[in-house]
Amino acid sequence: MSFPSLIPTPRPFEPGPMPPSRKSLAAPLPFRFAAQPVDRDVPNRHAELFYLQKQIQSQTPMVIVLEDGERIDGCIEWYDRNSIKVRGRGRTLVYKSAIKYMYKLGDNG
């Protein structure tokens, strides 16, 4: 009893088209999250950090208005590059990219 061969028979080498050289490939476009500032916004970044730090230290009641119109009232607990944590009726983590504007609770925005 003979079994058919499971190993394929080798084919002779046939040269095909050469892959493009590395120099001819286009570099991918840079990607940046919306909340991350670009280099030209560095002075604004320092102003933002100073303002947030001042509001955290004084525990100023703030109103944060989101892009969709939702309002979040509370004090800012902490922040990082992409988000702000607000303590109000509950604790809420808000992405900076979702914030339309913010103001102190005593002011009318």
N, C-alpha and C. Protein backbone atom coordinates (compact mmCIF):
# COMPACT_ATOMS: atom_id res chain seq x y z
N MET A 1 0.84 -1.15 0.00
CA MET A 1 0.00 0.00 0.00
C MET A 1 0.90 1.23 0.00
N SER A 2 0.63 2.13 -0.90
CA SER A 2 1.46 3.34 -0.97
C SER A 2 0.59 4.56 -0.71
N PHE A 3 1.14 5.47 0.03
CA PHE A 3 0.45 6.71 0.34
C PHE A 3 0.96 7.82 -0.57
N PRO A 4 0.09 8.73 -0.97
CA PRO A 4 0.59 9.84 -1.80
C PRO A 4 1.53 10.71 -0.98
N SER A 5 2.46 11.29 -1.62
CA SER A 5 3.46 12.11 -0.96
C SER A 5 2.81 13.39 -0.43
N LEU A 6 3.07 13.68 0.82
CA LEU A 6 2.54 14.90 1.41
C LEU A 6 3.50 16.07 1.23
N ILE A 7 4.70 15.81 0.82
CA ILE A 7 5.68 16.86 0.60
C ILE A 7 5.55 17.34 -0.83
N PRO A 8 5.33 18.64 -1.05
CA PRO A 8 5.18 19.12 -2.42
C PRO A 8 6.51 19.04 -3.16
N THR A 9 6.40 18.85 -4.43
CA THR A 9 7.61 18.78 -5.23
C THR A 9 8.16 20.19 -5.41
N PRO A 10 9.45 20.36 -5.31
CA PRO A 10 10.03 21.70 -5.44
C PRO A 10 9.90 22.23 -6.86
N ARG A 11 9.64 23.53 -6.95
CA ARG A 11 9.57 24.18 -8.26
C ARG A 11 10.89 24.90 -8.50
N PRO A 12 11.26 25.05 -9.74
CA PRO A 12 12.49 25.81 -10.02
C PRO A 12 12.28 27.29 -9.66
N PHE A 13 13.37 27.97 -9.27
CA PHE A 13 13.32 29.38 -8.88
C PHE A 13 12.96 30.24 -10.08
N GLU A 14 11.96 31.09 -9.90
CA GLU A 14 11.56 32.02 -10.96
C GLU A 14 11.67 33.43 -10.40
N PRO A 15 12.56 34.23 -10.94
CA PRO A 15 12.68 35.60 -10.42
C PRO A 15 11.44 36.41 -10.73
N GLY A 16 10.97 37.16 -9.75
CA GLY A 16 9.80 38.01 -9.92
C GLY A 16 10.20 39.47 -9.80
N PRO A 17 9.23 40.34 -9.71
CA PRO A 17 9.55 41.76 -9.58
C PRO A 17 10.23 42.02 -8.24
N MET A 18 11.17 42.94 -8.24
CA MET A 18 11.90 43.28 -7.03
C MET A 18 11.05 44.18 -6.15
N PRO A 19 11.11 43.99 -4.83
CA PRO A 19 10.36 44.90 -3.94
C PRO A 19 10.97 46.29 -4.02
N PRO A 20 10.16 47.33 -3.75
CA PRO A 20 10.69 48.69 -3.83
C PRO A 20 11.77 48.90 -2.77
N SER A 21 12.73 49.73 -3.11
CA SER A 21 13.80 49.98 -2.15
C SER A 21 13.27 50.80 -0.99
N ARG A 22 13.99 50.79 0.11
CA ARG A 22 13.56 51.50 1.30
C ARG A 22 13.44 53.00 1.07
N LYS A 23 14.28 53.54 0.22
CA LYS A 23 14.26 54.97 -0.03
C LYS A 23 13.02 55.40 -0.79
N SER A 24 12.45 54.51 -1.57
CA SER A 24 11.29 54.90 -2.36
C SER A 24 9.98 54.78 -1.59
N LEU A 25 10.01 54.16 -0.40
CA LEU A 25 8.79 54.05 0.39
C LEU A 25 8.50 55.37 1.07
N ALA A 26 7.27 55.79 1.07
CA ALA A 26 6.89 57.05 1.72
C ALA A 26 6.81 56.84 3.23
N ALA A 27 7.26 57.81 3.98
CA ALA A 27 7.20 57.74 5.44
C ALA A 27 5.76 57.94 5.89
N PRO A 28 5.34 57.25 6.93
CA PRO A 28 3.97 57.44 7.41
C PRO A 28 3.81 58.84 7.99
N LEU A 29 2.62 59.37 7.89
CA LEU A 29 2.34 60.69 8.44
C LEU A 29 2.33 60.61 9.96
N PRO A 30 2.81 61.64 10.64
CA PRO A 30 2.81 61.61 12.10
C PRO A 30 1.38 61.67 12.64
N PHE A 31 1.17 61.00 13.75
CA PHE A 31 -0.16 60.96 14.38
C PHE A 31 -0.07 61.67 15.72
N ARG A 32 -1.09 62.47 16.03
CA ARG A 32 -1.09 63.21 17.28
C ARG A 32 -2.50 63.17 17.85
N PHE A 33 -2.62 62.84 19.13
CA PHE A 33 -3.90 62.89 19.80
C PHE A 33 -4.32 64.35 19.92
N ALA A 34 -5.61 64.59 19.90
CA ALA A 34 -6.11 65.96 19.93
C ALA A 34 -5.75 66.69 21.22
N ALA A 35 -5.65 66.00 22.32
CA ALA A 35 -5.38 66.65 23.59
C ALA A 35 -3.91 66.97 23.78
N GLN A 36 -3.04 66.42 22.96
CA GLN A 36 -1.61 66.68 23.12
C GLN A 36 -1.23 67.93 22.35
N PRO A 37 -0.56 68.85 23.01
CA PRO A 37 -0.18 70.08 22.32
C PRO A 37 0.97 69.85 21.36
N VAL A 38 1.04 70.70 20.35
CA VAL A 38 2.19 70.68 19.46
C VAL A 38 3.24 71.62 20.03
N ASP A 39 4.43 71.61 19.47
CA ASP A 39 5.53 72.39 20.01
C ASP A 39 5.22 73.88 20.10
N ARG A 40 4.44 74.42 19.17
CA ARG A 40 4.18 75.86 19.18
C ARG A 40 3.25 76.26 20.32
N ASP A 41 2.60 75.30 21.00
CA ASP A 41 1.69 75.60 22.10
C ASP A 41 2.37 75.52 23.47
N VAL A 42 3.69 75.43 23.51
CA VAL A 42 4.39 75.28 24.78
C VAL A 42 4.10 76.43 25.75
N PRO A 43 4.12 77.72 25.34
CA PRO A 43 3.78 78.78 26.30
C PRO A 43 2.35 78.65 26.83
N ASN A 44 1.42 78.25 25.99
CA ASN A 44 0.04 78.05 26.45
C ASN A 44 -0.05 76.88 27.42
N ARG A 45 0.76 75.88 27.21
CA ARG A 45 0.77 74.71 28.09
C ARG A 45 1.19 75.11 29.49
N HIS A 46 2.22 75.95 29.59
CA HIS A 46 2.67 76.39 30.91
C HIS A 46 1.59 77.22 31.61
N ALA A 47 0.89 78.06 30.86
CA ALA A 47 -0.19 78.85 31.44
C ALA A 47 -1.32 77.95 31.92
N GLU A 48 -1.64 76.92 31.14
CA GLU A 48 -2.68 75.97 31.52
C GLU A 48 -2.31 75.24 32.81
N LEU A 49 -1.07 74.78 32.90
CA LEU A 49 -0.63 74.05 34.09
C LEU A 49 -0.64 74.96 35.32
N PHE A 50 -0.21 76.20 35.15
CA PHE A 50 -0.22 77.15 36.28
C PHE A 50 -1.65 77.39 36.75
N TYR A 51 -2.58 77.60 35.83
CA TYR A 51 -3.98 77.85 36.17
C TYR A 51 -4.59 76.66 36.90
N LEU A 52 -4.38 75.46 36.37
CA LEU A 52 -4.94 74.27 37.01
C LEU A 52 -4.35 74.06 38.41
N GLN A 53 -3.04 74.26 38.54
CA GLN A 53 -2.41 74.07 39.85
C GLN A 53 -2.96 75.07 40.86
N LYS A 54 -3.19 76.30 40.44
CA LYS A 54 -3.74 77.32 41.32
C LYS A 54 -5.16 76.94 41.78
N GLN A 55 -5.97 76.42 40.86
CA GLN A 55 -7.35 76.02 41.21
C GLN A 55 -7.35 74.81 42.14
N ILE A 56 -6.40 73.91 41.97
CA ILE A 56 -6.30 72.74 42.85
C ILE A 56 -5.93 73.18 44.26
N GLN A 57 -4.94 74.04 44.38
CA GLN A 57 -4.46 74.47 45.70
C GLN A 57 -5.53 75.26 46.46
N SER A 58 -6.30 76.09 45.77
CA SER A 58 -7.31 76.90 46.46
C SER A 58 -8.66 76.19 46.54
N GLN A 59 -8.77 75.00 45.96
CA GLN A 59 -10.02 74.22 45.95
C GLN A 59 -11.19 75.07 45.46
N THR A 60 -10.97 75.78 44.35
CA THR A 60 -11.98 76.65 43.75
C THR A 60 -13.08 75.81 43.11
N PRO A 61 -14.35 76.06 43.45
CA PRO A 61 -15.45 75.37 42.75
C PRO A 61 -15.48 75.82 41.29
N MET A 62 -15.47 74.85 40.38
CA MET A 62 -15.41 75.13 38.95
C MET A 62 -16.61 74.54 38.23
N VAL A 63 -16.91 75.11 37.08
CA VAL A 63 -17.91 74.54 36.16
C VAL A 63 -17.16 74.21 34.88
N ILE A 64 -17.25 72.95 34.46
CA ILE A 64 -16.60 72.50 33.23
C ILE A 64 -17.71 72.18 32.24
N VAL A 65 -17.70 72.86 31.10
CA VAL A 65 -18.70 72.63 30.06
C VAL A 65 -18.04 71.80 28.97
N LEU A 66 -18.67 70.67 28.67
CA LEU A 66 -18.13 69.75 27.67
C LEU A 66 -18.61 70.12 26.27
N GLU A 67 -17.99 69.53 25.27
CA GLU A 67 -18.34 69.80 23.87
C GLU A 67 -19.80 69.49 23.57
N ASP A 68 -20.37 68.50 24.24
CA ASP A 68 -21.77 68.13 23.98
C ASP A 68 -22.75 68.96 24.81
N GLY A 69 -22.26 69.95 25.59
CA GLY A 69 -23.13 70.82 26.36
C GLY A 69 -23.32 70.40 27.80
N GLU A 70 -22.85 69.23 28.18
CA GLU A 70 -22.99 68.76 29.56
C GLU A 70 -22.14 69.61 30.49
N ARG A 71 -22.68 69.92 31.69
CA ARG A 71 -21.96 70.70 32.69
C ARG A 71 -21.52 69.79 33.83
N ILE A 72 -20.29 69.97 34.28
CA ILE A 72 -19.78 69.24 35.43
C ILE A 72 -19.32 70.26 36.45
N ASP A 73 -19.93 70.23 37.64
CA ASP A 73 -19.58 71.15 38.73
C ASP A 73 -18.72 70.42 39.74
N GLY A 74 -17.69 71.11 40.25
CA GLY A 74 -16.87 70.52 41.30
C GLY A 74 -15.50 71.15 41.36
N CYS A 75 -14.68 70.64 42.25
CA CYS A 75 -13.30 71.11 42.41
C CYS A 75 -12.36 70.17 41.67
N ILE A 76 -11.32 70.72 41.10
CA ILE A 76 -10.34 69.91 40.39
C ILE A 76 -9.43 69.25 41.42
N GLU A 77 -9.34 67.92 41.37
CA GLU A 77 -8.47 67.18 42.29
C GLU A 77 -7.06 67.04 41.73
N TRP A 78 -6.95 66.63 40.49
CA TRP A 78 -5.65 66.50 39.84
C TRP A 78 -5.84 66.51 38.34
N TYR A 79 -4.72 66.60 37.62
CA TYR A 79 -4.74 66.63 36.16
C TYR A 79 -3.49 65.93 35.65
N ASP A 80 -3.54 65.55 34.40
CA ASP A 80 -2.34 65.09 33.70
C ASP A 80 -2.42 65.63 32.28
N ARG A 81 -1.63 65.07 31.40
CA ARG A 81 -1.56 65.62 30.04
C ARG A 81 -2.89 65.54 29.30
N ASN A 82 -3.68 64.50 29.55
CA ASN A 82 -4.89 64.27 28.76
C ASN A 82 -6.19 64.39 29.53
N SER A 83 -6.16 64.49 30.85
CA SER A 83 -7.41 64.43 31.60
C SER A 83 -7.36 65.29 32.86
N ILE A 84 -8.55 65.53 33.41
CA ILE A 84 -8.72 66.27 34.66
C ILE A 84 -9.68 65.45 35.53
N LYS A 85 -9.37 65.32 36.81
CA LYS A 85 -10.25 64.63 37.73
C LYS A 85 -10.99 65.68 38.55
N VAL A 86 -12.33 65.62 38.53
CA VAL A 86 -13.17 66.61 39.19
C VAL A 86 -13.94 65.92 40.32
N ARG A 87 -13.92 66.55 41.50
CA ARG A 87 -14.67 66.05 42.65
C ARG A 87 -15.88 66.95 42.85
N GLY A 88 -17.05 66.42 42.61
CA GLY A 88 -18.31 67.13 42.80
C GLY A 88 -19.24 66.23 43.57
N ARG A 89 -20.42 65.98 43.00
CA ARG A 89 -21.33 65.00 43.62
C ARG A 89 -20.70 63.62 43.61
N GLY A 90 -19.87 63.39 42.66
CA GLY A 90 -19.08 62.16 42.56
C GLY A 90 -17.72 62.55 42.02
N ARG A 91 -16.91 61.58 41.77
CA ARG A 91 -15.61 61.86 41.17
C ARG A 91 -15.69 61.52 39.68
N THR A 92 -15.26 62.46 38.86
CA THR A 92 -15.40 62.31 37.41
C THR A 92 -14.05 62.56 36.74
N LEU A 93 -13.69 61.68 35.83
CA LEU A 93 -12.48 61.86 35.03
C LEU A 93 -12.91 62.40 33.67
N VAL A 94 -12.38 63.57 33.30
CA VAL A 94 -12.78 64.24 32.07
C VAL A 94 -11.57 64.35 31.14
N TYR A 95 -11.73 63.91 29.90
CA TYR A 95 -10.67 64.11 28.91
C TYR A 95 -10.62 65.58 28.54
N LYS A 96 -9.41 66.13 28.47
CA LYS A 96 -9.26 67.54 28.11
C LYS A 96 -9.79 67.82 26.71
N SER A 97 -9.69 66.87 25.82
CA SER A 97 -10.18 67.07 24.46
C SER A 97 -11.70 67.21 24.40
N ALA A 98 -12.40 66.79 25.46
CA ALA A 98 -13.86 66.89 25.50
C ALA A 98 -14.33 68.19 26.14
N ILE A 99 -13.41 69.01 26.66
CA ILE A 99 -13.78 70.24 27.35
C ILE A 99 -13.91 71.37 26.34
N LYS A 100 -15.06 72.04 26.39
CA LYS A 100 -15.28 73.22 25.55
C LYS A 100 -14.70 74.45 26.24
N TYR A 101 -15.09 74.67 27.51
CA TYR A 101 -14.52 75.73 28.33
C TYR A 101 -14.81 75.43 29.78
N MET A 102 -14.17 76.20 30.67
CA MET A 102 -14.38 76.07 32.11
C MET A 102 -14.32 77.44 32.76
N TYR A 103 -15.01 77.57 33.89
CA TYR A 103 -14.98 78.84 34.60
C TYR A 103 -15.24 78.59 36.08
N LYS A 104 -14.93 79.59 36.90
CA LYS A 104 -15.15 79.48 38.34
C LYS A 104 -16.65 79.55 38.59
N LEU A 105 -17.14 78.84 39.59
CA LEU A 105 -18.57 78.74 39.85
C LEU A 105 -19.21 80.09 40.12
N GLY A 106 -18.51 81.02 40.76
CA GLY A 106 -19.06 82.35 41.03
C GLY A 106 -19.22 83.19 39.79
N ASP A 107 -18.43 82.95 38.75
CA ASP A 107 -18.51 83.71 37.50
C ASP A 107 -19.66 83.18 36.66
N ASN A 108 -20.17 84.02 35.76
CA ASN A 108 -21.20 83.55 34.82
C ASN A 108 -20.54 83.34 33.48
N GLY A 109 -20.56 82.10 33.01
CA GLY A 109 -19.91 81.76 31.74
C GLY A 109 -20.87 81.78 30.69
